Protein backbone atom coordinates (compact mmCIF):
# COMPACT_ATOMS: atom_id res chain seq x y z
CA MET A 1 -2.24 4.12 21.46
CA SER A 2 -1.55 8.18 20.61
CA THR A 3 -3.36 9.64 17.88
CA ASP A 4 -3.70 13.07 18.56
CA LYS A 5 -0.16 14.22 18.17
CA HIS A 6 0.62 12.74 14.89
CA GLN A 7 -0.84 13.35 11.63
CA SER A 8 -3.51 11.01 10.30
CA LEU A 9 -2.34 8.07 7.88
CA GLY A 10 -5.75 8.21 6.25
CA GLY A 11 -6.58 9.20 2.65
CA VAL A 12 -5.11 7.75 -0.25
CA ILE A 13 -1.98 6.50 -0.07
CA VAL A 14 -0.25 4.54 -3.01
CA ALA A 15 2.14 1.57 -2.49
CA THR A 16 4.21 2.38 -5.05
CA ALA A 17 5.76 0.40 -7.78
CA LEU A 18 9.55 0.56 -8.31
CA PRO A 19 11.08 1.14 -11.65
CA TYR A 20 13.86 -0.57 -12.80
CA ARG A 21 16.34 0.14 -15.70
CA GLU A 22 18.82 -2.46 -17.46
CA ASP A 23 22.07 -2.57 -15.98
CA ALA A 24 24.68 -5.80 -16.33
CA SER A 25 25.97 -4.78 -13.01
CA ALA A 26 23.13 -4.64 -10.87
CA PRO A 27 21.18 -7.47 -9.00
CA ALA A 28 19.23 -9.51 -11.72
CA GLY A 29 20.51 -7.13 -14.12
CA LEU A 30 18.06 -4.56 -13.04
CA ALA A 31 18.82 -1.26 -11.44
CA VAL A 32 16.53 0.75 -9.48
CA ASP A 33 15.89 3.78 -11.46
CA TYR A 34 15.51 6.25 -8.90
CA ASP A 35 14.78 9.06 -11.18
CA ARG A 36 11.72 7.54 -12.63
CA PHE A 37 10.62 6.92 -9.06
CA ALA A 38 10.86 9.98 -8.00
CA GLU A 39 8.90 11.33 -11.22
CA HIS A 40 5.91 8.71 -10.22
CA CYS A 41 5.66 9.68 -6.43
CA ARG A 42 5.62 13.46 -7.90
CA TRP A 43 2.72 12.33 -10.07
CA LEU A 44 0.98 10.55 -7.83
CA VAL A 45 0.75 13.20 -5.21
CA ASP A 46 0.19 15.84 -8.03
CA ASN A 47 -2.90 13.88 -9.39
CA GLY A 48 -4.43 13.86 -6.16
CA CYS A 49 -3.29 11.31 -3.77
CA HIS A 50 -2.59 11.88 -0.22
CA GLY A 51 0.52 10.28 -0.17
CA VAL A 52 3.28 7.24 -1.12
CA GLY A 53 4.29 4.04 0.77
CA PRO A 54 7.73 2.98 -0.76
CA ASN A 55 9.15 -0.68 0.27
CA GLY A 56 5.87 -2.63 0.47
CA SER A 57 5.39 -5.74 -1.17
CA LEU A 58 4.64 -3.79 -4.60
CA GLY A 59 7.68 -1.93 -4.16
CA GLU A 60 9.28 -5.36 -4.07
CA TYR A 61 11.24 -4.55 -0.99
CA SER A 62 12.50 -8.10 -0.29
CA SER A 63 14.19 -8.26 -3.57
CA LEU A 64 16.22 -4.94 -2.78
CA THR A 65 19.75 -4.46 -1.16
CA ASP A 66 19.70 -2.58 2.48
CA GLU A 67 21.39 0.33 0.38
CA GLU A 68 18.62 0.01 -2.21
CA ARG A 69 15.99 -0.27 0.29
CA ARG A 70 17.19 2.82 2.25
CA ARG A 71 17.45 5.22 -0.75
CA VAL A 72 13.99 4.36 -2.06
CA ALA A 73 12.30 5.51 1.08
CA ARG A 74 14.73 8.77 0.89
CA THR A 75 13.60 9.39 -2.65
CA ALA A 76 10.27 9.35 -1.51
CA VAL A 77 10.83 11.70 1.30
CA GLU A 78 12.88 14.22 -0.64
CA THR A 79 10.45 13.90 -3.68
CA VAL A 80 7.17 14.66 -1.95
CA GLY A 81 7.74 15.51 1.77
CA GLY A 82 5.61 18.50 2.38
CA SER A 83 3.51 17.87 0.02
CA GLY A 84 2.14 14.46 0.70
CA VAL A 85 2.63 11.95 3.63
CA VAL A 86 5.33 9.01 3.01
CA VAL A 87 4.37 5.56 4.87
CA VAL A 88 7.37 3.92 4.57
CA GLY A 89 7.00 -0.13 4.59
CA VAL A 90 9.72 -1.56 7.57
CA HIS A 91 8.66 -5.26 7.29
CA GLY A 92 11.23 -7.85 8.48
CA PRO A 93 11.59 -11.37 9.82
CA GLY A 94 12.24 -10.46 13.39
CA ALA A 95 11.26 -7.22 15.69
CA HIS A 96 15.37 -6.37 15.71
CA GLN A 97 15.17 -5.74 11.60
CA ALA A 98 11.64 -4.05 11.36
CA ARG A 99 12.61 -1.77 14.62
CA HIS A 100 15.99 -1.05 12.42
CA TRP A 101 14.09 0.09 9.31
CA ALA A 102 11.49 2.02 11.67
CA GLU A 103 14.61 3.87 12.89
CA LEU A 104 16.06 4.80 9.52
CA ALA A 105 12.70 5.89 8.29
CA ALA A 106 12.46 8.37 11.16
CA GLU A 107 16.00 9.37 10.51
CA ASP A 108 15.00 10.28 7.08
CA GLY A 109 11.98 11.99 7.45
CA ALA A 110 9.11 9.48 7.09
CA ASP A 111 5.94 10.33 8.42
CA GLY A 112 4.79 6.92 9.59
CA VAL A 113 5.45 3.35 8.84
CA LEU A 114 3.36 0.32 7.48
CA CYS A 115 4.93 -2.91 9.32
CA LEU A 116 3.71 -6.51 8.52
CA PRO A 117 3.78 -9.40 11.80
CA PRO A 118 7.21 -11.48 11.56
CA THR A 119 7.30 -12.32 8.38
CA MET A 120 9.17 -15.91 7.14
CA TYR A 121 7.63 -17.00 10.51
CA ARG A 122 4.15 -18.07 11.89
CA ALA A 123 4.51 -15.64 15.11
CA ASN A 124 2.31 -15.99 18.16
CA ARG A 125 -0.18 -13.43 19.81
CA ASP A 126 3.05 -12.77 22.34
CA GLU A 127 5.57 -12.41 19.73
CA VAL A 128 3.19 -10.46 16.95
CA ILE A 129 2.75 -7.92 20.24
CA ALA A 130 6.12 -7.88 20.95
CA HIS A 131 7.06 -7.04 17.06
CA PHE A 132 4.96 -4.28 16.82
CA GLU A 133 6.02 -2.68 20.21
CA ALA A 134 9.73 -2.84 19.44
CA VAL A 135 8.57 -0.71 15.98
CA ALA A 136 6.31 1.34 17.82
CA SER A 137 9.10 2.43 20.09
CA VAL A 138 10.88 3.99 17.42
CA GLY A 139 8.11 6.99 17.81
CA LEU A 140 6.84 7.31 14.45
CA PRO A 141 2.99 6.49 13.42
CA VAL A 142 2.66 2.92 12.94
CA MET A 143 0.14 1.27 10.90
CA VAL A 144 0.11 -2.33 11.03
CA TYR A 145 -0.70 -4.59 8.51
CA ASN A 146 -2.85 -7.47 8.37
CA ASN A 147 -2.27 -9.57 5.29
CA PRO A 148 -3.03 -13.06 6.39
CA ILE A 149 -2.91 -14.64 2.80
CA ASP A 150 0.77 -13.80 2.81
CA THR A 151 2.19 -13.97 6.47
CA LYS A 152 -0.22 -16.87 7.89
CA VAL A 153 -0.93 -14.64 10.68
CA ASP A 154 -4.34 -13.36 11.22
CA LEU A 155 -4.93 -9.75 13.10
CA THR A 156 -8.05 -10.54 14.01
CA PRO A 157 -10.26 -7.96 15.50
CA GLY A 158 -9.52 -9.03 19.10
CA LEU A 159 -5.87 -9.19 18.62
CA LEU A 160 -5.99 -5.52 17.15
CA ALA A 161 -8.08 -4.39 20.12
CA GLU A 162 -4.53 -5.40 22.16
CA ILE A 163 -2.25 -3.89 19.50
CA ALA A 164 -4.29 -0.54 19.12
CA GLN A 165 -2.85 -0.11 23.00
CA ILE A 166 0.66 0.14 22.24
CA ASP A 167 1.75 4.11 22.09
CA ASN A 168 2.30 4.90 18.50
CA VAL A 169 -0.14 2.34 16.80
CA VAL A 170 -2.72 4.53 15.05
CA ALA A 171 -4.15 2.84 12.00
CA VAL A 172 -4.48 -0.86 10.45
CA LYS A 173 -4.20 -1.94 6.65
CA GLU A 174 -7.23 -4.65 6.68
CA PHE A 175 -6.33 -6.93 4.00
CA SER A 176 -8.55 -9.92 4.89
CA GLY A 177 -10.81 -9.57 2.49
CA ASP A 178 -13.70 -9.56 4.93
CA VAL A 179 -15.50 -6.19 5.05
CA ARG A 180 -17.39 -7.35 8.02
CA ARG A 181 -14.07 -6.82 10.17
CA VAL A 182 -14.32 -2.92 9.65
CA LEU A 183 -16.83 -2.47 12.02
CA GLU A 184 -15.68 -4.96 14.63
CA ILE A 185 -12.35 -3.24 14.35
CA ARG A 186 -14.20 0.20 15.07
CA GLU A 187 -16.18 -1.44 17.55
CA ARG A 188 -13.09 -2.95 19.66
CA ALA A 189 -10.64 -0.46 19.08
CA PRO A 190 -12.45 2.85 18.78
CA GLY A 191 -9.40 4.87 18.01
CA LEU A 192 -7.73 2.85 15.44
CA GLU A 193 -7.88 4.14 11.98
CA VAL A 194 -9.14 1.33 9.39
CA VAL A 195 -7.56 1.56 5.98
CA ALA A 196 -8.56 -0.46 3.30
CA GLY A 197 -5.78 -2.44 2.19
CA ALA A 198 -7.66 -4.54 -0.96
CA ASP A 199 -8.78 -3.07 -3.62
CA ASP A 200 -11.29 -4.74 -4.65
CA VAL A 201 -13.12 -4.41 -1.71
CA THR A 202 -12.48 -0.69 -0.98
CA LEU A 203 -15.63 0.97 -1.76
CA GLU A 204 -17.26 -1.60 0.89
CA ALA A 205 -14.54 -0.83 3.35
CA LEU A 206 -15.02 2.99 2.63
CA LEU A 207 -18.77 2.93 3.42
CA MET A 208 -18.56 0.95 6.62
CA GLY A 209 -15.97 3.51 7.93
CA ALA A 210 -12.27 2.94 6.53
CA THR A 211 -11.01 6.15 6.60
CA GLY A 212 -8.04 5.44 4.21
CA TRP A 213 -7.08 3.54 1.27
CA PHE A 214 -3.58 1.96 0.98
CA ALA A 215 -3.39 0.97 -2.50
CA GLY A 216 -2.21 -0.64 -5.60
CA PHE A 217 -4.39 0.29 -8.61
CA PRO A 218 -3.65 4.50 -7.68
CA ASN A 219 -0.54 3.77 -9.50
CA VAL A 220 -2.70 3.29 -12.66
CA PHE A 221 -5.11 5.40 -11.98
CA PRO A 222 -4.40 8.12 -9.00
CA ALA A 223 -7.00 10.93 -9.91
CA GLU A 224 -9.70 8.63 -10.27
CA SER A 225 -8.54 6.92 -7.18
CA ALA A 226 -8.61 10.26 -5.37
CA LEU A 227 -11.95 10.92 -6.68
CA LEU A 228 -13.48 7.52 -5.75
CA TYR A 229 -12.61 8.04 -2.07
CA GLU A 230 -13.73 11.44 -1.90
CA LEU A 231 -16.86 10.66 -3.18
CA ALA A 232 -17.27 7.46 -0.67
CA THR A 233 -16.24 9.78 2.21
CA THR A 234 -18.98 12.60 1.23
CA GLY A 235 -21.69 10.18 1.18
CA LYS A 236 -21.98 10.42 -2.78
CA LEU A 237 -22.61 6.52 -3.02
CA ALA A 238 -24.47 6.59 -6.49
CA GLU A 239 -21.57 8.42 -8.01
CA ALA A 240 -19.11 6.17 -6.19
CA ARG A 241 -20.41 3.18 -7.59
CA ALA A 242 -20.78 4.34 -11.09
CA LEU A 243 -17.06 4.92 -11.03
CA TYR A 244 -15.95 1.85 -9.08
CA GLU A 245 -17.71 -0.81 -10.74
CA PRO A 246 -16.04 -0.92 -13.98
CA LEU A 247 -12.86 -0.80 -12.04
CA VAL A 248 -13.07 -3.89 -9.86
CA ALA A 249 -12.28 -6.55 -12.42
CA ALA A 250 -8.82 -5.00 -12.72
CA PHE A 251 -8.64 -4.01 -9.23
CA ARG A 252 -9.08 -7.87 -8.42
CA TRP A 253 -5.39 -8.57 -9.62
CA ASP A 254 -4.41 -6.32 -5.98
CA SER A 255 -5.13 -9.57 -4.43
CA ARG A 256 -3.59 -11.94 -6.72
CA THR A 257 0.09 -13.76 -6.52
CA GLU A 258 0.77 -11.75 -9.87
CA PHE A 259 -0.32 -8.11 -8.41
CA VAL A 260 2.92 -6.38 -8.71
CA GLN A 261 3.46 -7.84 -12.48
CA ALA A 262 -0.28 -6.81 -13.22
CA ILE A 263 -0.11 -3.27 -12.11
CA LYS A 264 3.26 -2.60 -13.86
CA LEU A 265 1.53 -3.88 -16.77
CA GLY A 266 -1.67 -1.58 -16.18
CA MET A 267 0.58 1.50 -16.29
CA GLU A 268 2.16 0.32 -19.43
CA GLN A 269 -1.30 0.51 -20.51
CA VAL A 270 -2.18 3.97 -19.16
CA GLY A 271 1.15 5.10 -21.31
CA ARG A 272 3.49 4.84 -18.13
CA TYR A 273 6.40 3.07 -17.11
CA GLY A 274 5.84 -0.01 -15.31
CA GLY A 275 8.72 -2.32 -16.38
CA PRO A 276 10.24 -5.58 -15.14
CA CYS A 277 10.64 -6.98 -12.02
CA ARG A 278 13.35 -8.63 -9.87
CA PRO A 279 13.46 -12.25 -8.80
CA PRO A 280 11.51 -14.32 -7.77
CA ARG A 281 8.90 -12.37 -9.63
CA GLY A 282 9.24 -13.40 -13.82
CA PRO A 283 6.90 -12.30 -16.42
CA LEU A 284 3.28 -12.88 -16.60
CA THR A 285 2.32 -16.07 -18.95
CA ASP A 286 0.73 -15.63 -22.22
CA GLU A 287 -2.86 -16.22 -20.44
CA HIS A 288 -2.72 -13.73 -17.38
CA ARG A 289 -1.10 -11.19 -19.54
CA GLU A 290 -4.11 -11.23 -21.77
CA GLN A 291 -6.52 -10.95 -18.98
CA VAL A 292 -5.02 -7.83 -17.33
CA THR A 293 -5.03 -6.39 -20.69
CA ALA A 294 -8.57 -7.23 -21.33
CA ASP A 295 -9.82 -6.09 -17.82
CA MET A 296 -7.60 -2.83 -17.69
CA ALA A 297 -9.00 -2.25 -21.16
CA ARG A 298 -12.55 -2.21 -20.05
CA ALA A 299 -11.73 0.13 -16.97
CA ILE A 300 -9.78 2.58 -19.13
CA ALA A 301 -12.95 2.50 -21.91
CA ALA A 302 -14.98 3.02 -19.11
CA LEU A 303 -13.31 6.03 -17.76
CA ASP A 304 -12.88 7.41 -21.29
CA GLU A 305 -16.41 7.09 -21.83
CA ARG A 306 -17.10 8.99 -18.04
CA LYS A 307 -14.93 11.98 -19.15
CA ALA A 308 -16.91 12.17 -22.47
CA SER A 309 -20.14 12.09 -20.96
């Protein structure tokens, strides 16, 4: 593992939502709005986030054409390159596909890549390691992504200790929801950065030594998320808890099936553009819409009260 020659992939990196505009000739009648996406990336970094992560699940990468997927990554690099880091999602069913996306990310100037184990297939230990070896061979810093809920493959602390031996693997986005793993990963793979991956256990993970937050809800609350990270990593626990607790009900949507739709609705509630999703994601049910709206309203009210005090 080589961390010394690469910049850190820590801090608050936003898994960017992707805006569409209606266009009858585009896939599913929705064209990617690259100008609006660029403005959103710039807004996130200007509000204190350390960088952006295009082409993740939140960015609906699997609903994009190959041409769109590459242009989304390029847009992010062109917009915030130099002022923020860009960690491009290179997820793919096979090692050859993930490596291809990593090669394009390197060509386009990304700072690093985020990579799931093989998608659409329950890979075994050797297949998982081969997958990450192929991606890491490109030369960019790699943040491996443990999301056992979606991939059905669990990158346990023991397996991560092996993966961490691969040159250029520098971090893990930990989305298991088990905060006990943060310390165990740090014990077994001391050079591997642990990055909080689930918004609703972020503070707990940061207090246990996570050095980053690769996040969904900073699409909605970038400045407050950057502040939460700063408070948590500088020992200001009482202030961090006071900021975090009213937000957690909204943050829990980051771990639910409808997280993309929920975060886009949250963006609308703070005056940003969220917009629709491409299939397979449809609109929220009335019940879910009401619940997201209520959880977000409480979060916004708490932040307004904080600003007024």
